[in-house]
């Protein structure tokens, strides 16, 4: 997924969110401009986003990151405005870095290009299989039932190493990692081929595959890979990203997320995002 949530492993590899507010008593009583004192814009919540990264973000604002942006805007009493740019090389430099916008809604924890908020959810790569097929009960890539099966995998993502270790890479079908989603959608292609029987299983970043399955592939089942014990890890913590040095803005977002975590979880779950605990070892909620 960078394709997908960049597109997430690329964030984490080329590399892939939130705690105490600043003087809450005074901040809540202060005007909006004081709450966002180190933002470039004091009149809007300016979001940096990919226009073709559905189900995360989309120019028609149908993605769950768009919904989350609207939620944050409502809490800050600011209208949402977008700067659109493909989430690939140069995304941060040409959006957040150029001060064209002030917030990236979904960003993998630990990337030095941005100042991360505390994470607001954790998720994992997921095995996706037909609900009524012979692999419906598989919950680990070490399961012998996967031997000899044709599995779709995004090239260069962490699960590929697990497939190789378990002798599953020989028959796997690789899909491109870095793509312009305006013109190519490997995740959609993979799920279509799985639904049509050309693949036996697929592996995608959960926050990408889960919502796609919920929206368009009711015959498929999403199984977060929380039982893999060997590296590389398959879970990532997702934050919001702001410019380096903007600590007031970061603390404001940390406070907002802390106070509204249940509503944020509900929004993600409703969208089909599989959530795990912070260590990626247990599924918190799985919406099919």
Protein backbone atom coordinates (compact mmCIF):
# COMPACT_ATOMS: atom_id res chain seq x y z
CA UNK A 1 0.00 0.00 0.00
CA UNK A 2 2.15 3.10 -0.36
CA UNK A 3 -0.06 2.37 -2.80
CA UNK A 4 -2.96 2.03 -0.41
CA UNK A 5 -2.15 3.48 3.07
CA UNK A 6 0.94 4.57 1.14
CA UNK A 7 0.92 3.20 0.34
CA UNK A 8 1.30 2.28 4.22
CA UNK A 9 4.33 0.07 3.99
CA UNK A 10 6.09 2.55 1.77
CA UNK A 11 5.45 5.11 4.47
CA UNK A 12 6.77 2.69 7.00
CA UNK A 13 9.55 1.40 4.77
CA UNK A 14 10.70 4.43 2.73
CA UNK A 15 10.15 5.46 5.68
CA UNK A 16 3.70 3.01 7.80
CA UNK A 17 -1.56 8.38 15.87
CA UNK A 18 -2.49 11.42 20.51
CA UNK A 19 -2.35 12.67 24.59
CA UNK A 20 -2.72 15.81 26.72
CA UNK A 21 -4.10 19.14 25.51
CA UNK A 22 -2.44 22.46 26.09
CA UNK A 23 -4.05 24.34 29.00
CA UNK A 24 -7.44 22.86 28.20
CA UNK A 25 -9.40 25.14 30.46
CA UNK A 26 -8.08 28.26 28.75
CA UNK A 27 -8.01 26.72 25.28
CA UNK A 28 -11.64 25.68 25.37
CA UNK A 29 -12.66 29.20 26.32
CA UNK A 30 -10.32 30.88 23.81
CA UNK A 31 -11.23 31.77 20.22
CA UNK A 32 -10.42 29.33 17.44
CA UNK A 33 -7.37 31.29 16.26
CA UNK A 34 -5.71 30.76 19.64
CA UNK A 35 -6.35 27.01 19.55
CA UNK A 36 -4.47 26.71 16.26
CA UNK A 37 -1.82 29.35 16.93
CA UNK A 38 0.97 27.75 14.90
CA UNK A 39 -1.13 26.84 11.87
CA UNK A 40 -0.48 28.61 8.60
CA UNK A 41 -4.24 29.06 8.26
CA UNK A 42 -6.37 30.27 11.15
CA UNK A 43 -9.58 30.12 9.12
CA UNK A 44 -9.72 26.52 7.87
CA UNK A 45 -8.55 23.00 8.63
CA UNK A 46 -6.28 22.54 5.63
CA UNK A 47 -5.82 18.86 4.80
CA UNK A 48 -3.02 17.37 2.67
CA UNK A 49 -4.47 14.37 0.84
CA UNK A 50 -4.23 12.05 -2.13
CA UNK A 51 -7.16 12.57 -4.54
CA UNK A 52 -7.22 8.92 -5.63
CA UNK A 53 -6.43 6.84 -2.57
CA UNK A 54 -9.88 5.37 -1.87
CA UNK A 55 -10.96 3.95 0.58
CA UNK A 56 -8.66 6.22 2.59
CA UNK A 57 -8.96 9.55 0.77
CA UNK A 58 -10.69 10.59 -2.43
CA UNK A 59 -11.37 13.85 -4.21
CA UNK A 60 -15.12 13.25 -3.91
CA UNK A 61 -14.50 13.04 -0.11
CA UNK A 62 -15.88 9.51 0.14
CA UNK A 63 -12.89 8.02 1.98
CA UNK A 64 -12.77 7.36 5.71
CA UNK A 65 -9.89 9.81 6.11
CA UNK A 66 -12.17 12.44 4.56
CA UNK A 67 -14.82 11.60 7.14
CA UNK A 68 -12.24 11.81 9.89
CA UNK A 69 -11.09 15.19 8.58
CA UNK A 70 -14.69 16.44 8.75
CA UNK A 71 -14.90 15.12 12.32
CA UNK A 72 -11.73 16.98 13.33
CA UNK A 73 -12.95 20.13 11.59
CA UNK A 74 -16.25 20.01 13.48
CA UNK A 75 -14.46 19.64 16.81
CA UNK A 76 -12.17 22.61 16.01
CA UNK A 77 -15.06 24.60 14.50
CA UNK A 78 -13.10 25.04 11.29
CA UNK A 79 -14.21 24.33 7.69
CA UNK A 80 -12.20 21.65 5.88
CA UNK A 81 -10.16 22.57 2.81
CA UNK A 82 -7.98 20.21 0.75
CA UNK A 83 -4.67 20.36 -1.05
CA UNK A 84 -4.62 17.35 -3.38
CA UNK A 85 -1.37 15.64 -4.35
CA UNK A 86 -0.57 11.99 -5.20
CA UNK A 87 0.80 10.21 -2.14
CA UNK A 88 4.15 9.21 -3.56
CA UNK A 89 7.66 10.66 -3.61
CA UNK A 90 7.46 14.38 -2.87
CA UNK A 91 4.04 14.26 -1.20
CA UNK A 92 5.16 15.78 2.13
CA UNK A 93 7.56 18.24 0.52
CA UNK A 94 4.95 19.58 -1.89
CA UNK A 95 2.05 19.77 0.57
CA UNK A 96 2.88 20.03 4.27
CA UNK A 97 6.46 21.17 3.66
CA UNK A 98 5.37 23.86 1.22
CA UNK A 99 2.78 25.12 3.75
CA UNK A 100 -0.01 24.49 1.29
CA UNK A 101 -1.86 22.56 4.02
CA UNK A 102 -1.45 21.82 7.72
CA UNK A 103 -2.46 18.22 8.46
CA UNK A 104 -2.03 14.73 7.01
CA UNK A 105 -4.83 12.60 8.42
CA UNK A 106 -3.19 9.18 8.11
CA UNK A 107 0.56 8.66 8.56
CA UNK A 108 2.59 5.75 9.87
CA UNK A 109 4.18 6.36 13.26
CA UNK A 110 7.88 7.17 13.36
CA UNK A 111 8.53 8.89 10.03
CA UNK A 112 10.95 11.78 10.41
CA UNK A 113 9.43 13.84 7.57
CA UNK A 114 6.53 14.85 9.81
CA UNK A 115 5.87 15.47 13.48
CA UNK A 116 3.58 12.61 14.46
CA UNK A 117 0.68 12.93 16.83
CA UNK A 118 0.06 10.02 19.16
CA UNK A 119 -1.38 7.12 17.21
CA UNK A 120 -5.14 6.98 16.93
CA UNK A 121 -5.38 3.42 15.68
CA UNK A 122 -3.34 0.28 15.11
CA UNK A 123 -4.02 -2.21 12.36
CA UNK A 124 -2.32 -5.06 10.55
CA UNK A 125 -1.96 -6.67 7.17
CA UNK A 126 -4.80 -9.08 6.52
CA UNK A 127 -5.36 -12.37 4.75
CA UNK A 128 -8.46 -12.14 2.56
CA UNK A 129 -10.21 -15.32 1.46
CA UNK A 130 -13.63 -16.44 0.19
CA UNK A 131 -16.05 -16.68 3.11
CA UNK A 132 -17.25 -20.13 2.11
CA UNK A 133 -14.00 -21.45 0.68
CA UNK A 134 -11.53 -24.05 1.98
CA UNK A 135 -9.30 -21.34 3.53
CA UNK A 136 -12.07 -19.66 5.55
CA UNK A 137 -10.63 -20.86 8.87
CA UNK A 138 -6.99 -19.97 8.18
CA UNK A 139 -5.65 -17.27 10.50
CA UNK A 140 -1.87 -17.59 10.06
CA UNK A 141 0.55 -17.71 7.15
CA UNK A 142 2.11 -20.82 8.72
CA UNK A 143 -1.08 -22.83 8.16
CA UNK A 144 -0.37 -25.88 5.92
CA UNK A 145 -3.68 -25.25 4.14
CA UNK A 146 -1.99 -22.42 2.26
CA UNK A 147 0.60 -24.68 0.65
CA UNK A 148 0.29 -24.73 -3.13
CA UNK A 149 -2.25 -21.91 -3.17
CA UNK A 150 -2.09 -18.90 -5.46
CA UNK A 151 -1.87 -15.86 -3.18
CA UNK A 152 -1.95 -12.23 -4.27
CA UNK A 153 0.69 -10.05 -2.61
CA UNK A 154 1.89 -6.48 -3.06
CA UNK A 155 5.56 -6.68 -4.01
CA UNK A 156 7.96 -5.38 -1.39
CA UNK A 157 5.53 -5.34 1.53
CA UNK A 158 6.30 -7.14 4.84
CA UNK A 159 4.00 -10.14 4.24
CA UNK A 160 6.09 -11.10 1.21
CA UNK A 161 8.93 -12.09 3.57
CA UNK A 162 6.53 -14.32 5.49
CA UNK A 163 5.35 -15.97 2.30
CA UNK A 164 8.94 -16.69 1.31
CA UNK A 165 9.78 -18.13 4.74
CA UNK A 166 6.75 -20.43 4.62
CA UNK A 167 7.36 -21.67 1.09
CA UNK A 168 4.40 -19.81 -0.39
CA UNK A 169 6.11 -17.37 -2.71
CA UNK A 170 6.55 -19.72 -5.67
CA UNK A 171 2.91 -19.58 -6.76
CA UNK A 172 2.21 -16.09 -5.43
CA UNK A 173 1.12 -13.35 -7.81
CA UNK A 174 2.88 -10.01 -7.23
CA UNK A 175 1.17 -6.64 -7.68
CA UNK A 176 2.91 -3.29 -7.99
CA UNK A 177 3.66 -1.34 -4.82
CA UNK A 178 4.27 2.22 -6.04
CA UNK A 179 1.50 3.28 -8.39
CA UNK A 180 -0.54 6.37 -9.20
CA UNK A 181 -3.97 5.30 -8.02
CA UNK A 182 -5.58 7.68 -10.51
CA UNK A 183 -4.53 5.24 -13.22
CA UNK A 184 -3.89 1.88 -11.54
CA UNK A 185 -5.44 0.12 -8.54
CA UNK A 186 -3.63 -3.10 -7.58
CA UNK A 187 -5.79 -3.67 -4.49
CA UNK A 188 -9.02 -3.57 -6.49
CA UNK A 189 -7.53 -5.79 -9.17
CA UNK A 190 -6.35 -8.29 -6.58
CA UNK A 191 -9.75 -8.50 -4.88
CA UNK A 192 -11.59 -8.84 -8.17
CA UNK A 193 -9.37 -11.73 -9.20
CA UNK A 194 -9.85 -13.36 -5.81
CA UNK A 195 -13.62 -12.98 -6.01
CA UNK A 196 -13.59 -14.46 -9.52
CA UNK A 197 -11.52 -17.47 -8.46
CA UNK A 198 -8.27 -16.54 -10.19
CA UNK A 199 -6.58 -16.33 -6.77
CA UNK A 200 -7.05 -18.53 -3.71
CA UNK A 201 -6.21 -15.76 -1.23
CA UNK A 202 -4.95 -12.18 -1.08
CA UNK A 203 -2.89 -10.21 1.42
CA UNK A 204 -3.44 -6.47 1.81
CA UNK A 205 -2.92 -3.78 4.42
CA UNK A 206 -6.03 -4.13 6.59
CA UNK A 207 -7.18 -0.48 6.42
CA UNK A 208 -7.06 -0.78 2.63
CA UNK A 209 -8.48 -4.26 2.12
CA UNK A 210 -11.08 -4.17 4.90
CA UNK A 211 -13.09 -1.21 3.61
CA UNK A 212 -12.86 -2.40 0.00
CA UNK A 213 -14.19 -5.82 0.99
CA UNK A 214 -17.00 -4.30 3.05
CA UNK A 215 -18.07 -1.98 0.23
CA UNK A 216 -17.72 -4.19 -2.83
CA UNK A 217 -16.85 -7.83 -2.07
CA UNK A 218 -19.41 -9.36 0.32
CA UNK A 219 -18.28 -12.87 -0.61
CA UNK A 220 -14.85 -12.30 0.94
CA UNK A 221 -13.57 -12.49 4.51
CA UNK A 222 -10.86 -10.29 6.11
CA UNK A 223 -8.56 -11.98 8.62
CA UNK A 224 -6.02 -9.64 10.32
CA UNK A 225 -2.65 -11.38 10.61
CA UNK A 226 -2.12 -11.04 14.36
CA UNK A 227 -0.66 -14.52 14.94
CA UNK A 228 2.67 -14.17 13.11
CA UNK A 229 5.51 -14.48 15.64
CA UNK A 230 8.56 -13.89 13.44
CA UNK A 231 9.68 -10.63 11.81
CA UNK A 232 9.03 -8.49 9.94
CA UNK A 233 6.11 -7.12 11.91
CA UNK A 234 2.78 -6.88 10.13
CA UNK A 235 1.11 -4.22 12.30
CA UNK A 236 1.54 -0.45 12.21
CA UNK A 237 0.35 2.42 14.39
CA UNK A 238 -1.27 5.25 12.46
CA UNK A 239 -0.97 8.89 13.48
CA UNK A 240 -1.76 12.28 12.06
CA UNK A 241 1.18 14.25 10.66
CA UNK A 242 1.99 17.94 11.14
CA UNK A 243 5.08 20.01 10.33
CA UNK A 244 8.18 19.52 12.42
CA UNK A 245 8.28 22.02 15.28
CA UNK A 246 4.53 22.67 15.43
CA UNK A 247 4.17 21.37 18.98
CA UNK A 248 1.12 23.49 19.90
CA UNK A 249 -0.80 22.07 16.94
CA UNK A 250 0.39 18.55 17.74
CA UNK A 251 -0.78 18.87 21.37
CA UNK A 252 -4.14 20.24 20.26
CA UNK A 253 -4.66 17.18 18.06
CA UNK A 254 -3.42 14.82 20.78
CA UNK A 255 -6.02 16.22 23.14
CA UNK A 256 -8.77 16.06 20.52
CA UNK A 257 -8.06 12.42 19.74
CA UNK A 258 -7.76 11.42 23.38
CA UNK A 259 -11.13 12.99 24.17
CA UNK A 260 -12.86 11.50 21.11
CA UNK A 261 -11.17 8.10 20.71
CA UNK A 262 -14.41 6.11 20.98
CA UNK A 263 -16.02 8.13 18.18
CA UNK A 264 -12.92 7.77 16.04
CA UNK A 265 -12.92 4.00 16.59
CA UNK A 266 -16.60 3.85 15.63
CA UNK A 267 -15.95 5.78 12.42
CA UNK A 268 -13.11 3.44 11.45
CA UNK A 269 -15.03 0.28 12.30
CA UNK A 270 -18.07 1.47 10.35
CA UNK A 271 -15.78 1.98 7.37
CA UNK A 272 -14.50 -1.60 7.61
CA UNK A 273 -11.05 -0.90 9.09
CA UNK A 274 -9.88 -3.87 11.23
CA UNK A 275 -8.46 -2.57 14.52
CA UNK A 276 -5.93 -4.35 16.72
CA UNK A 277 -4.40 -3.67 20.10
CA UNK A 278 -1.27 -1.52 20.20
CA UNK A 279 1.05 -4.49 19.78
CA UNK A 280 -0.85 -5.99 16.85
CA UNK A 281 -1.47 -9.26 18.69
CA UNK A 282 -5.23 -9.17 19.10
CA UNK A 283 -8.15 -7.99 16.97
CA UNK A 284 -10.15 -5.34 18.79
CA UNK A 285 -12.99 -5.28 16.34
CA UNK A 286 -13.56 -6.69 12.89
CA UNK A 287 -16.36 -5.27 10.78
CA UNK A 288 -17.28 -7.32 7.73
